[in-house]
């Protein structure tokens, strides 16, 4: 019994240690001059999360949009007025998919790590959805993906894409976690925040 409890603890500890990181990927047009982009407009979001009201929510969409706007503002970019032509067109896409993992033997970890989708994941482990029986374990979870696309408004070509993917089983703390997920994606945007601050300070000193 003691060995069983220790094994469960090690298994949960390993999972918890990996839940704090979203799997983030980005891609950029190497020929684009991101420093020249100063204004943007929104394209309609693409939401593919089924009929689950937890994820198919205008509040979630607004939260994502507001956090992206805050990240762009840090990079000295503003939302273009309706009457003006923007430099960029920005959109986001959300997807969810039910998945199941089964494994046997000792404590096992998911290939590539167990990541937090959109930058968030379950906080509590009550009613943890795995089976422990004769060394066999299984886990049912929902994988979520958030993609942010940035398009050059003049050429209509995609110039940057960032995404975060992982587990989205529990919406508790969703607002704060979405902010963290968007921040993790935008941290890789080709215009770093520190460069904008440095440029601003240089301008003021002159």
N, C-alpha and C. Protein backbone atom coordinates (compact mmCIF):
# COMPACT_ATOMS: atom_id res chain seq x y z
N UNK A 1 0.83 -1.20 0.00
CA UNK A 1 0.00 0.00 0.00
C UNK A 1 0.87 1.26 0.00
N UNK A 2 1.95 1.23 0.80
CA UNK A 2 2.86 2.38 0.87
C UNK A 2 3.50 2.64 -0.48
N UNK A 3 3.89 1.58 -1.17
CA UNK A 3 4.51 1.72 -2.50
C UNK A 3 3.50 2.30 -3.48
N UNK A 4 2.22 1.84 -3.37
CA UNK A 4 1.17 2.34 -4.24
C UNK A 4 0.97 3.83 -4.06
N UNK A 5 0.89 4.29 -2.79
CA UNK A 5 0.69 5.71 -2.49
C UNK A 5 1.85 6.54 -3.01
N UNK A 6 3.08 6.06 -2.80
CA UNK A 6 4.26 6.78 -3.27
C UNK A 6 4.26 6.89 -4.80
N UNK A 7 3.84 5.81 -5.46
CA UNK A 7 3.81 5.82 -6.92
C UNK A 7 2.79 6.82 -7.44
N UNK A 8 1.61 6.85 -6.78
CA UNK A 8 0.58 7.83 -7.16
C UNK A 8 1.10 9.24 -6.98
N UNK A 9 1.79 9.48 -5.85
CA UNK A 9 2.32 10.82 -5.56
C UNK A 9 3.34 11.24 -6.61
N UNK A 10 4.25 10.33 -6.96
CA UNK A 10 5.27 10.65 -7.97
C UNK A 10 4.61 10.93 -9.31
N UNK A 11 3.58 10.14 -9.64
CA UNK A 11 2.87 10.34 -10.91
C UNK A 11 2.23 11.73 -10.96
N UNK A 12 1.49 12.09 -9.90
CA UNK A 12 0.83 13.40 -9.87
C UNK A 12 1.83 14.54 -9.82
N UNK A 13 2.93 14.35 -9.10
CA UNK A 13 3.96 15.38 -9.02
C UNK A 13 4.58 15.62 -10.39
N UNK A 14 4.82 14.53 -11.12
CA UNK A 14 5.38 14.67 -12.46
C UNK A 14 4.44 15.40 -13.40
N UNK A 15 3.15 15.05 -13.33
CA UNK A 15 2.15 15.72 -14.17
C UNK A 15 2.05 17.19 -13.79
N UNK A 16 1.97 17.49 -12.48
CA UNK A 16 1.81 18.88 -12.04
C UNK A 16 2.98 19.74 -12.45
N UNK A 17 4.19 19.17 -12.45
CA UNK A 17 5.37 19.96 -12.79
C UNK A 17 5.37 20.35 -14.26
N UNK A 18 4.67 19.58 -15.09
CA UNK A 18 4.65 19.88 -16.52
C UNK A 18 3.43 20.70 -16.93
N UNK A 19 2.42 20.81 -16.05
CA UNK A 19 1.21 21.54 -16.37
C UNK A 19 1.41 23.04 -16.43
N UNK A 20 2.53 23.53 -15.91
CA UNK A 20 2.72 24.96 -15.83
C UNK A 20 3.23 25.57 -17.12
N UNK A 21 3.43 24.79 -18.15
CA UNK A 21 3.98 25.32 -19.39
C UNK A 21 3.09 24.97 -20.58
N UNK A 22 2.68 25.99 -21.32
CA UNK A 22 1.94 25.76 -22.56
C UNK A 22 2.94 25.46 -23.67
N UNK A 23 2.53 24.63 -24.60
CA UNK A 23 3.37 24.33 -25.76
C UNK A 23 3.16 25.45 -26.77
N UNK A 24 4.14 26.33 -26.90
CA UNK A 24 4.02 27.51 -27.76
C UNK A 24 4.88 27.34 -29.01
N UNK A 25 4.31 27.64 -30.17
CA UNK A 25 5.06 27.63 -31.42
C UNK A 25 4.75 28.92 -32.18
N UNK A 26 5.73 29.44 -32.90
CA UNK A 26 5.53 30.65 -33.70
C UNK A 26 6.24 30.51 -35.04
N UNK A 27 5.79 31.32 -35.99
CA UNK A 27 6.42 31.34 -37.31
C UNK A 27 6.28 32.75 -37.86
N UNK A 28 7.30 33.25 -38.54
CA UNK A 28 7.28 34.63 -39.04
C UNK A 28 7.84 34.72 -40.44
N UNK A 29 7.35 35.72 -41.18
CA UNK A 29 7.89 36.03 -42.50
C UNK A 29 9.20 36.78 -42.29
N UNK A 30 10.30 36.15 -42.66
CA UNK A 30 11.62 36.74 -42.40
C UNK A 30 11.86 38.01 -43.22
N UNK A 31 11.07 38.22 -44.26
CA UNK A 31 11.27 39.41 -45.09
C UNK A 31 10.43 40.60 -44.62
N UNK A 32 9.52 40.39 -43.68
CA UNK A 32 8.63 41.46 -43.23
C UNK A 32 9.35 42.40 -42.27
N UNK A 33 9.08 43.69 -42.41
CA UNK A 33 9.63 44.71 -41.51
C UNK A 33 8.58 45.02 -40.45
N UNK A 34 8.63 44.31 -39.33
CA UNK A 34 7.61 44.45 -38.31
C UNK A 34 7.66 45.81 -37.61
N UNK A 35 8.78 46.48 -37.68
CA UNK A 35 8.91 47.78 -37.05
C UNK A 35 8.04 48.85 -37.70
N UNK A 36 7.64 48.63 -38.96
CA UNK A 36 6.85 49.64 -39.67
C UNK A 36 5.36 49.52 -39.39
N UNK A 37 4.94 48.40 -38.81
CA UNK A 37 3.51 48.20 -38.52
C UNK A 37 3.13 48.95 -37.25
N UNK A 38 2.21 49.89 -37.36
CA UNK A 38 1.82 50.71 -36.21
C UNK A 38 0.33 50.62 -35.87
N UNK A 39 -0.50 50.22 -36.85
CA UNK A 39 -1.94 50.13 -36.60
C UNK A 39 -2.45 48.77 -37.05
N UNK A 40 -3.60 48.38 -36.52
CA UNK A 40 -4.18 47.09 -36.87
C UNK A 40 -5.70 47.15 -36.77
N UNK A 41 -6.34 46.19 -37.39
CA UNK A 41 -7.79 46.01 -37.30
C UNK A 41 -8.07 44.53 -37.08
N UNK A 42 -9.23 44.23 -36.53
CA UNK A 42 -9.58 42.85 -36.24
C UNK A 42 -10.34 42.20 -37.39
N UNK A 43 -9.98 40.96 -37.66
CA UNK A 43 -10.79 40.10 -38.52
C UNK A 43 -11.68 39.24 -37.62
N UNK A 44 -12.70 38.64 -38.17
CA UNK A 44 -13.60 37.81 -37.37
C UNK A 44 -12.86 36.58 -36.85
N UNK A 45 -13.09 36.28 -35.57
CA UNK A 45 -12.44 35.11 -34.96
C UNK A 45 -13.02 33.82 -35.52
N UNK A 46 -12.23 32.74 -35.43
CA UNK A 46 -12.62 31.41 -35.89
C UNK A 46 -12.69 30.50 -34.68
N UNK A 47 -13.91 30.15 -34.26
CA UNK A 47 -14.11 29.38 -33.03
C UNK A 47 -14.62 27.98 -33.37
N UNK A 48 -13.85 26.96 -33.03
CA UNK A 48 -14.24 25.57 -33.29
C UNK A 48 -14.09 24.75 -32.02
N UNK A 49 -15.02 24.95 -31.10
CA UNK A 49 -14.95 24.27 -29.80
C UNK A 49 -16.22 23.47 -29.51
N UNK A 50 -17.01 23.20 -30.55
CA UNK A 50 -18.24 22.46 -30.34
C UNK A 50 -19.30 23.31 -29.67
N UNK A 51 -20.25 22.63 -29.03
CA UNK A 51 -21.36 23.34 -28.38
C UNK A 51 -21.17 23.53 -26.89
N UNK A 52 -20.01 23.15 -26.38
CA UNK A 52 -19.76 23.30 -24.95
C UNK A 52 -19.72 24.78 -24.58
N UNK A 53 -20.68 25.26 -23.77
CA UNK A 53 -20.73 26.69 -23.43
C UNK A 53 -19.54 27.16 -22.61
N UNK A 54 -18.80 26.23 -22.01
CA UNK A 54 -17.63 26.61 -21.23
C UNK A 54 -16.58 27.25 -22.14
N UNK A 55 -16.43 26.70 -23.35
CA UNK A 55 -15.41 27.19 -24.26
C UNK A 55 -15.99 28.04 -25.40
N UNK A 56 -17.26 27.81 -25.74
CA UNK A 56 -17.90 28.59 -26.79
C UNK A 56 -18.62 29.77 -26.15
N UNK A 57 -17.87 30.80 -25.81
CA UNK A 57 -18.40 31.91 -25.02
C UNK A 57 -17.89 33.24 -25.55
N UNK A 58 -18.78 34.21 -25.66
CA UNK A 58 -18.38 35.56 -26.07
C UNK A 58 -17.45 36.18 -25.04
N UNK A 59 -17.59 35.80 -23.78
CA UNK A 59 -16.72 36.34 -22.73
C UNK A 59 -15.28 35.89 -22.94
N UNK A 60 -15.10 34.61 -23.32
CA UNK A 60 -13.76 34.10 -23.60
C UNK A 60 -13.17 34.82 -24.80
N UNK A 61 -13.98 34.96 -25.86
CA UNK A 61 -13.49 35.64 -27.06
C UNK A 61 -13.08 37.08 -26.76
N UNK A 62 -13.90 37.78 -25.97
CA UNK A 62 -13.58 39.16 -25.61
C UNK A 62 -12.32 39.22 -24.76
N UNK A 63 -12.18 38.25 -23.88
CA UNK A 63 -11.00 38.21 -23.02
C UNK A 63 -9.73 38.01 -23.85
N UNK A 64 -9.78 37.10 -24.82
CA UNK A 64 -8.63 36.87 -25.70
C UNK A 64 -8.30 38.13 -26.47
N UNK A 65 -9.32 38.77 -27.04
CA UNK A 65 -9.12 39.97 -27.84
C UNK A 65 -8.50 41.09 -27.00
N UNK A 66 -9.03 41.31 -25.80
CA UNK A 66 -8.52 42.38 -24.94
C UNK A 66 -7.07 42.14 -24.55
N UNK A 67 -6.72 40.88 -24.31
CA UNK A 67 -5.33 40.57 -23.94
C UNK A 67 -4.38 40.74 -25.11
N UNK A 68 -4.83 40.38 -26.31
CA UNK A 68 -4.00 40.61 -27.49
C UNK A 68 -3.81 42.11 -27.70
N UNK A 69 -4.87 42.89 -27.52
CA UNK A 69 -4.77 44.34 -27.68
C UNK A 69 -3.78 44.94 -26.68
N UNK A 70 -3.79 44.44 -25.45
CA UNK A 70 -2.84 44.94 -24.45
C UNK A 70 -1.40 44.62 -24.84
N UNK A 71 -1.20 43.40 -25.38
CA UNK A 71 0.15 43.02 -25.80
C UNK A 71 0.62 43.86 -26.98
N UNK A 72 -0.27 44.17 -27.91
CA UNK A 72 0.10 45.00 -29.06
C UNK A 72 0.36 46.43 -28.61
N UNK A 73 -0.40 46.92 -27.63
CA UNK A 73 -0.19 48.27 -27.11
C UNK A 73 1.20 48.41 -26.49
N UNK A 74 1.69 47.34 -25.87
CA UNK A 74 3.03 47.36 -25.29
C UNK A 74 4.09 47.53 -26.38
N UNK A 75 3.72 47.19 -27.60
CA UNK A 75 4.65 47.29 -28.73
C UNK A 75 4.35 48.53 -29.58
N UNK A 76 3.69 49.50 -28.95
CA UNK A 76 3.42 50.79 -29.57
C UNK A 76 2.52 50.67 -30.80
N UNK A 77 1.57 49.72 -30.73
CA UNK A 77 0.63 49.54 -31.83
C UNK A 77 -0.77 49.90 -31.35
N UNK A 78 -1.56 50.52 -32.23
CA UNK A 78 -2.90 50.97 -31.85
C UNK A 78 -3.95 50.42 -32.82
N UNK A 79 -5.18 50.32 -32.29
CA UNK A 79 -6.30 49.87 -33.10
C UNK A 79 -6.71 50.99 -34.04
N UNK A 80 -6.75 50.71 -35.34
CA UNK A 80 -7.05 51.73 -36.33
C UNK A 80 -8.52 52.13 -36.27
N UNK A 81 -8.83 53.40 -36.44
CA UNK A 81 -10.23 53.83 -36.53
C UNK A 81 -10.92 53.14 -37.71
N UNK A 82 -12.25 53.05 -37.65
CA UNK A 82 -12.99 52.36 -38.71
C UNK A 82 -12.77 52.99 -40.08
N UNK A 83 -12.51 54.29 -40.09
CA UNK A 83 -12.37 55.01 -41.36
C UNK A 83 -10.95 54.95 -41.93
N UNK A 84 -10.02 54.40 -41.17
CA UNK A 84 -8.60 54.38 -41.58
C UNK A 84 -8.20 53.01 -42.09
N UNK A 85 -7.16 52.98 -42.91
CA UNK A 85 -6.61 51.73 -43.40
C UNK A 85 -5.53 51.25 -42.43
N UNK A 86 -5.68 50.07 -41.85
CA UNK A 86 -4.69 49.55 -40.89
C UNK A 86 -3.47 48.99 -41.59
N UNK A 87 -2.38 48.88 -40.83
CA UNK A 87 -1.18 48.23 -41.35
C UNK A 87 -1.31 46.70 -41.31
N UNK A 88 -1.99 46.22 -40.27
CA UNK A 88 -2.13 44.78 -40.05
C UNK A 88 -3.58 44.39 -39.84
N UNK A 89 -3.87 43.14 -40.13
CA UNK A 89 -5.16 42.53 -39.81
C UNK A 89 -4.87 41.38 -38.84
N UNK A 90 -5.56 41.39 -37.70
CA UNK A 90 -5.30 40.40 -36.65
C UNK A 90 -6.53 39.54 -36.43
N UNK A 91 -6.32 38.26 -36.24
CA UNK A 91 -7.42 37.35 -35.93
C UNK A 91 -6.92 36.26 -34.99
N UNK A 92 -7.86 35.55 -34.37
CA UNK A 92 -7.47 34.41 -33.55
C UNK A 92 -8.42 33.25 -33.80
N UNK A 93 -7.92 32.05 -33.53
CA UNK A 93 -8.68 30.82 -33.74
C UNK A 93 -8.58 29.98 -32.46
N UNK A 94 -9.68 29.36 -32.05
CA UNK A 94 -9.64 28.45 -30.90
C UNK A 94 -10.23 27.10 -31.31
N UNK A 95 -9.60 26.04 -30.85
CA UNK A 95 -10.03 24.68 -31.16
C UNK A 95 -9.96 23.83 -29.89
N UNK A 96 -10.89 22.89 -29.74
CA UNK A 96 -10.79 21.90 -28.67
C UNK A 96 -11.04 20.52 -29.24
N UNK A 97 -10.42 19.52 -28.61
CA UNK A 97 -10.56 18.14 -29.08
C UNK A 97 -10.44 17.20 -27.89
N UNK A 98 -11.40 16.27 -27.77
CA UNK A 98 -11.35 15.26 -26.72
C UNK A 98 -10.29 14.22 -27.05
N UNK A 99 -9.48 13.88 -26.03
CA UNK A 99 -8.44 12.88 -26.26
C UNK A 99 -8.38 11.90 -25.09
N UNK A 100 -7.77 10.75 -25.36
CA UNK A 100 -7.64 9.69 -24.36
C UNK A 100 -6.25 9.08 -24.46
N UNK A 101 -5.61 8.93 -23.31
CA UNK A 101 -4.28 8.32 -23.26
C UNK A 101 -4.31 7.14 -22.30
N UNK A 102 -3.78 6.00 -22.72
CA UNK A 102 -3.68 4.82 -21.87
C UNK A 102 -2.23 4.36 -21.83
N UNK A 103 -1.82 3.86 -20.67
CA UNK A 103 -0.45 3.40 -20.53
C UNK A 103 -0.35 2.46 -19.35
N UNK A 104 0.67 1.60 -19.33
CA UNK A 104 0.84 0.64 -18.27
C UNK A 104 2.22 0.72 -17.68
N UNK A 105 2.50 -0.14 -16.71
CA UNK A 105 3.81 -0.12 -16.06
C UNK A 105 3.89 0.95 -15.00
N UNK A 106 5.08 1.50 -14.81
CA UNK A 106 5.30 2.51 -13.79
C UNK A 106 4.72 3.84 -14.21
N UNK A 107 4.88 4.85 -13.38
CA UNK A 107 4.38 6.18 -13.70
C UNK A 107 4.89 6.63 -15.07
N UNK A 108 3.96 7.06 -15.91
CA UNK A 108 4.33 7.43 -17.28
C UNK A 108 3.98 8.88 -17.55
N UNK A 109 4.72 9.48 -18.42
CA UNK A 109 4.48 10.86 -18.79
C UNK A 109 4.13 10.92 -20.27
N UNK A 110 3.27 11.87 -20.62
CA UNK A 110 2.84 11.99 -22.00
C UNK A 110 3.99 12.44 -22.89
N UNK A 111 4.03 11.89 -24.09
CA UNK A 111 5.09 12.23 -25.03
C UNK A 111 5.10 13.72 -25.29
N UNK A 112 6.27 14.31 -25.18
CA UNK A 112 6.37 15.74 -25.43
C UNK A 112 5.99 16.58 -24.23
N UNK A 113 5.64 15.92 -23.11
CA UNK A 113 5.26 16.69 -21.94
C UNK A 113 3.76 16.91 -21.90
N UNK A 114 3.27 17.25 -20.71
CA UNK A 114 1.84 17.48 -20.50
C UNK A 114 1.67 18.97 -20.37
N UNK A 115 1.06 19.61 -21.37
CA UNK A 115 1.09 21.07 -21.44
C UNK A 115 -0.27 21.68 -21.15
N UNK A 116 -0.24 22.93 -20.75
CA UNK A 116 -1.45 23.67 -20.49
C UNK A 116 -1.94 24.33 -21.78
N UNK A 117 -3.16 24.04 -22.17
CA UNK A 117 -3.71 24.63 -23.37
C UNK A 117 -4.11 26.08 -23.16
N UNK A 118 -3.86 26.94 -24.15
CA UNK A 118 -4.14 28.36 -24.11
C UNK A 118 -3.40 29.00 -22.95
N UNK A 119 -2.48 28.26 -22.32
CA UNK A 119 -1.79 28.78 -21.16
C UNK A 119 -2.48 28.45 -19.86
N UNK A 120 -3.53 27.61 -19.85
CA UNK A 120 -4.16 27.29 -18.59
C UNK A 120 -4.50 25.81 -18.51
N UNK A 121 -4.86 25.34 -17.30
CA UNK A 121 -5.14 23.94 -17.08
C UNK A 121 -5.84 23.76 -15.74
N UNK A 122 -6.21 22.53 -15.36
CA UNK A 122 -6.86 22.33 -14.06
C UNK A 122 -5.96 22.72 -12.90
N UNK A 123 -6.54 23.26 -11.86
CA UNK A 123 -5.78 23.57 -10.65
C UNK A 123 -5.91 22.45 -9.63
N UNK A 124 -7.13 21.90 -9.47
CA UNK A 124 -7.34 20.88 -8.45
C UNK A 124 -7.26 19.49 -9.05
N UNK A 125 -6.98 18.53 -8.20
CA UNK A 125 -6.87 17.16 -8.66
C UNK A 125 -7.95 16.28 -8.06
N UNK A 126 -9.03 16.91 -7.51
CA UNK A 126 -10.16 16.14 -7.03
C UNK A 126 -10.84 15.44 -8.20
N UNK A 127 -11.29 14.18 -7.98
CA UNK A 127 -11.90 13.41 -9.06
C UNK A 127 -10.98 13.34 -10.28
N UNK A 128 -9.69 13.18 -10.03
CA UNK A 128 -8.70 13.11 -11.12
C UNK A 128 -9.09 12.00 -12.09
N UNK A 129 -9.28 12.29 -13.37
CA UNK A 129 -9.85 11.32 -14.32
C UNK A 129 -8.85 10.31 -14.86
N UNK A 130 -8.24 9.51 -13.96
CA UNK A 130 -7.43 8.41 -14.45
C UNK A 130 -7.82 7.14 -13.72
N UNK A 131 -7.59 6.01 -14.33
CA UNK A 131 -7.90 4.74 -13.70
C UNK A 131 -6.60 4.08 -13.26
N UNK A 132 -6.60 3.54 -12.06
CA UNK A 132 -5.40 2.87 -11.55
C UNK A 132 -5.80 1.46 -11.17
N UNK A 133 -5.46 0.50 -12.01
CA UNK A 133 -5.94 -0.85 -11.77
C UNK A 133 -4.94 -1.83 -12.35
N UNK A 134 -4.27 -2.53 -11.48
CA UNK A 134 -3.33 -3.55 -11.93
C UNK A 134 -2.20 -2.98 -12.78
N UNK A 135 -1.78 -1.75 -12.49
CA UNK A 135 -0.68 -1.15 -13.22
C UNK A 135 -1.12 -0.44 -14.49
N UNK A 136 -2.43 -0.50 -14.82
CA UNK A 136 -2.91 0.17 -16.04
C UNK A 136 -3.50 1.52 -15.68
N UNK A 137 -3.16 2.54 -16.47
CA UNK A 137 -3.64 3.89 -16.21
C UNK A 137 -4.19 4.50 -17.49
N UNK A 138 -5.21 5.32 -17.35
CA UNK A 138 -5.75 6.01 -18.52
C UNK A 138 -6.17 7.41 -18.11
N UNK A 139 -6.18 8.30 -19.06
CA UNK A 139 -6.52 9.69 -18.78
C UNK A 139 -7.33 10.27 -19.93
N UNK A 140 -8.50 10.80 -19.62
CA UNK A 140 -9.33 11.49 -20.60
C UNK A 140 -9.15 12.99 -20.41
N UNK A 141 -8.92 13.71 -21.50
CA UNK A 141 -8.71 15.14 -21.36
C UNK A 141 -9.13 15.88 -22.63
N UNK A 142 -9.28 17.18 -22.50
CA UNK A 142 -9.61 18.03 -23.63
C UNK A 142 -8.37 18.83 -24.01
N UNK A 143 -7.95 18.71 -25.26
CA UNK A 143 -6.82 19.49 -25.74
C UNK A 143 -7.35 20.75 -26.42
N UNK A 144 -6.82 21.89 -26.02
CA UNK A 144 -7.24 23.16 -26.61
C UNK A 144 -6.08 23.84 -27.32
N UNK A 145 -6.40 24.58 -28.36
CA UNK A 145 -5.39 25.32 -29.11
C UNK A 145 -5.87 26.74 -29.36
N UNK A 146 -5.00 27.70 -29.12
CA UNK A 146 -5.25 29.10 -29.44
C UNK A 146 -4.21 29.54 -30.46
N UNK A 147 -4.67 30.09 -31.58
CA UNK A 147 -3.78 30.57 -32.65
C UNK A 147 -4.04 32.05 -32.88
N UNK A 148 -2.99 32.83 -32.95
CA UNK A 148 -3.08 34.26 -33.26
C UNK A 148 -2.40 34.49 -34.60
N UNK A 149 -3.15 35.04 -35.56
CA UNK A 149 -2.63 35.31 -36.90
C UNK A 149 -2.50 36.82 -37.12
N UNK A 150 -1.41 37.21 -37.79
CA UNK A 150 -1.17 38.61 -38.13
C UNK A 150 -0.92 38.69 -39.64
N UNK A 151 -1.75 39.48 -40.33
CA UNK A 151 -1.71 39.57 -41.79
C UNK A 151 -1.36 41.00 -42.21
N UNK A 152 -0.47 41.12 -43.20
CA UNK A 152 -0.17 42.43 -43.77
C UNK A 152 -1.41 42.91 -44.53
N UNK A 153 -1.97 44.06 -44.11
CA UNK A 153 -3.23 44.53 -44.70
C UNK A 153 -3.07 44.91 -46.17
N UNK A 154 -1.88 45.33 -46.59
CA UNK A 154 -1.67 45.75 -47.98
C UNK A 154 -1.52 44.55 -48.91
N UNK A 155 -0.68 43.59 -48.51
CA UNK A 155 -0.42 42.44 -49.37
C UNK A 155 -1.38 41.29 -49.14
N UNK A 156 -2.11 41.33 -48.01
CA UNK A 156 -3.03 40.26 -47.61
C UNK A 156 -2.29 38.94 -47.37
N UNK A 157 -1.02 39.03 -47.01
CA UNK A 157 -0.20 37.85 -46.74
C UNK A 157 0.01 37.68 -45.24
N UNK A 158 -0.06 36.43 -44.78
CA UNK A 158 0.22 36.14 -43.38
C UNK A 158 1.70 36.41 -43.10
N UNK A 159 1.98 37.24 -42.07
CA UNK A 159 3.38 37.55 -41.75
C UNK A 159 3.82 36.98 -40.41
N UNK A 160 2.85 36.61 -39.56
CA UNK A 160 3.24 36.03 -38.27
C UNK A 160 2.10 35.18 -37.72
N UNK A 161 2.48 34.07 -37.11
CA UNK A 161 1.50 33.21 -36.45
C UNK A 161 2.10 32.68 -35.16
N UNK A 162 1.31 32.74 -34.09
CA UNK A 162 1.73 32.17 -32.81
C UNK A 162 0.61 31.29 -32.26
N UNK A 163 0.97 30.20 -31.60
CA UNK A 163 -0.04 29.30 -31.06
C UNK A 163 0.40 28.70 -29.74
N UNK A 164 -0.60 28.37 -28.91
CA UNK A 164 -0.37 27.65 -27.66
C UNK A 164 -1.36 26.51 -27.60
N UNK A 165 -0.90 25.33 -27.17
CA UNK A 165 -1.77 24.16 -27.14
C UNK A 165 -1.56 23.36 -25.87
N UNK A 166 -2.61 22.68 -25.41
CA UNK A 166 -2.48 21.82 -24.25
C UNK A 166 -3.81 21.51 -23.62
N UNK A 167 -3.80 21.09 -22.37
CA UNK A 167 -4.99 20.63 -21.65
C UNK A 167 -5.86 21.80 -21.20
N UNK A 168 -7.18 21.69 -21.44
CA UNK A 168 -8.12 22.73 -21.02
C UNK A 168 -9.32 22.11 -20.31
N UNK A 169 -9.07 21.26 -19.34
CA UNK A 169 -10.14 20.50 -18.68
C UNK A 169 -10.93 21.28 -17.64
N UNK A 170 -10.37 22.34 -17.10
CA UNK A 170 -11.04 23.02 -15.99
C UNK A 170 -10.98 24.52 -16.21
N UNK A 171 -12.14 25.19 -16.29
CA UNK A 171 -12.17 26.63 -16.59
C UNK A 171 -11.91 27.53 -15.39
N UNK A 172 -11.65 26.96 -14.21
CA UNK A 172 -11.41 27.80 -13.04
C UNK A 172 -10.18 28.68 -13.24
N UNK A 173 -10.32 29.94 -12.95
CA UNK A 173 -9.21 30.86 -13.14
C UNK A 173 -8.95 31.16 -14.61
N UNK A 174 -9.98 30.99 -15.44
CA UNK A 174 -9.82 31.09 -16.88
C UNK A 174 -9.32 32.47 -17.33
N UNK A 175 -9.88 33.52 -16.74
CA UNK A 175 -9.52 34.87 -17.16
C UNK A 175 -8.03 35.14 -16.98
N UNK A 176 -7.51 34.80 -15.81
CA UNK A 176 -6.09 35.02 -15.54
C UNK A 176 -5.22 34.14 -16.42
N UNK A 177 -5.65 32.91 -16.64
CA UNK A 177 -4.84 31.98 -17.41
C UNK A 177 -4.82 32.31 -18.90
N UNK A 178 -5.92 32.86 -19.42
CA UNK A 178 -5.92 33.29 -20.82
C UNK A 178 -4.90 34.40 -21.00
N UNK A 179 -4.86 35.32 -20.03
CA UNK A 179 -3.89 36.41 -20.10
C UNK A 179 -2.47 35.87 -20.14
N UNK A 180 -2.20 34.84 -19.34
CA UNK A 180 -0.86 34.25 -19.33
C UNK A 180 -0.57 33.54 -20.66
N UNK A 181 -1.59 32.87 -21.21
CA UNK A 181 -1.39 32.17 -22.47
C UNK A 181 -1.11 33.12 -23.62
N UNK A 182 -1.89 34.21 -23.71
CA UNK A 182 -1.66 35.20 -24.76
C UNK A 182 -0.28 35.83 -24.60
N UNK A 183 0.09 36.10 -23.35
CA UNK A 183 1.41 36.70 -23.10
C UNK A 183 2.53 35.76 -23.57
N UNK A 184 2.37 34.46 -23.32
CA UNK A 184 3.39 33.51 -23.74
C UNK A 184 3.54 33.48 -25.26
N UNK A 185 2.41 33.59 -25.95
CA UNK A 185 2.47 33.61 -27.42
C UNK A 185 3.13 34.90 -27.90
N UNK A 186 2.63 36.05 -27.41
CA UNK A 186 3.08 37.35 -27.90
C UNK A 186 4.51 37.67 -27.48
N UNK A 187 5.01 36.95 -26.50
CA UNK A 187 6.41 37.15 -26.08
C UNK A 187 7.36 36.86 -27.24
N UNK A 188 6.89 36.05 -28.21
CA UNK A 188 7.72 35.68 -29.36
C UNK A 188 7.45 36.56 -30.58
N UNK A 189 6.60 37.59 -30.43
CA UNK A 189 6.35 38.49 -31.55
C UNK A 189 7.65 39.20 -31.91
N UNK A 190 7.92 39.42 -33.22
CA UNK A 190 9.22 39.96 -33.64
C UNK A 190 9.58 41.35 -33.12
N UNK A 191 8.62 42.07 -32.51
CA UNK A 191 8.94 43.37 -31.90
C UNK A 191 8.91 43.20 -30.38
N UNK A 192 10.08 43.01 -29.73
CA UNK A 192 10.11 42.81 -28.28
C UNK A 192 9.69 44.06 -27.53
N UNK A 193 9.06 43.89 -26.39
CA UNK A 193 8.61 45.02 -25.58
C UNK A 193 9.78 45.87 -25.11
N UNK A 194 10.89 45.24 -24.73
CA UNK A 194 12.03 46.00 -24.21
C UNK A 194 12.63 46.92 -25.27
N UNK A 195 12.56 46.53 -26.55
CA UNK A 195 13.07 47.38 -27.62
C UNK A 195 12.21 48.63 -27.78
N UNK A 196 10.89 48.47 -27.60
CA UNK A 196 9.98 49.61 -27.69
C UNK A 196 10.23 50.58 -26.55
N UNK A 197 10.44 50.05 -25.35
CA UNK A 197 10.72 50.89 -24.18
C UNK A 197 12.04 51.62 -24.36
N UNK A 198 13.04 50.90 -24.86
CA UNK A 198 14.37 51.51 -25.08
C UNK A 198 14.28 52.64 -26.10
N UNK A 199 13.51 52.42 -27.18
CA UNK A 199 13.35 53.45 -28.20
C UNK A 199 12.63 54.67 -27.64
N UNK A 200 11.63 54.43 -26.79
CA UNK A 200 10.86 55.52 -26.19
C UNK A 200 11.73 56.36 -25.27
N UNK A 201 12.59 55.72 -24.50
CA UNK A 201 13.46 56.42 -23.58
C UNK A 201 14.50 57.23 -24.34
N UNK A 202 15.01 56.65 -25.44
CA UNK A 202 15.99 57.37 -26.27
C UNK A 202 15.38 58.62 -26.87
N UNK A 203 14.14 58.51 -27.34
CA UNK A 203 13.44 59.66 -27.93
C UNK A 203 13.24 60.77 -26.90
N UNK A 204 12.86 60.39 -25.68
CA UNK A 204 12.63 61.38 -24.62
C UNK A 204 13.92 62.09 -24.24
N UNK A 205 15.02 61.37 -24.21
CA UNK A 205 16.30 61.96 -23.81
C UNK A 205 16.81 62.96 -24.86
N UNK A 206 16.33 62.79 -26.09
CA UNK A 206 16.75 63.73 -27.14
C UNK A 206 15.76 64.87 -27.26
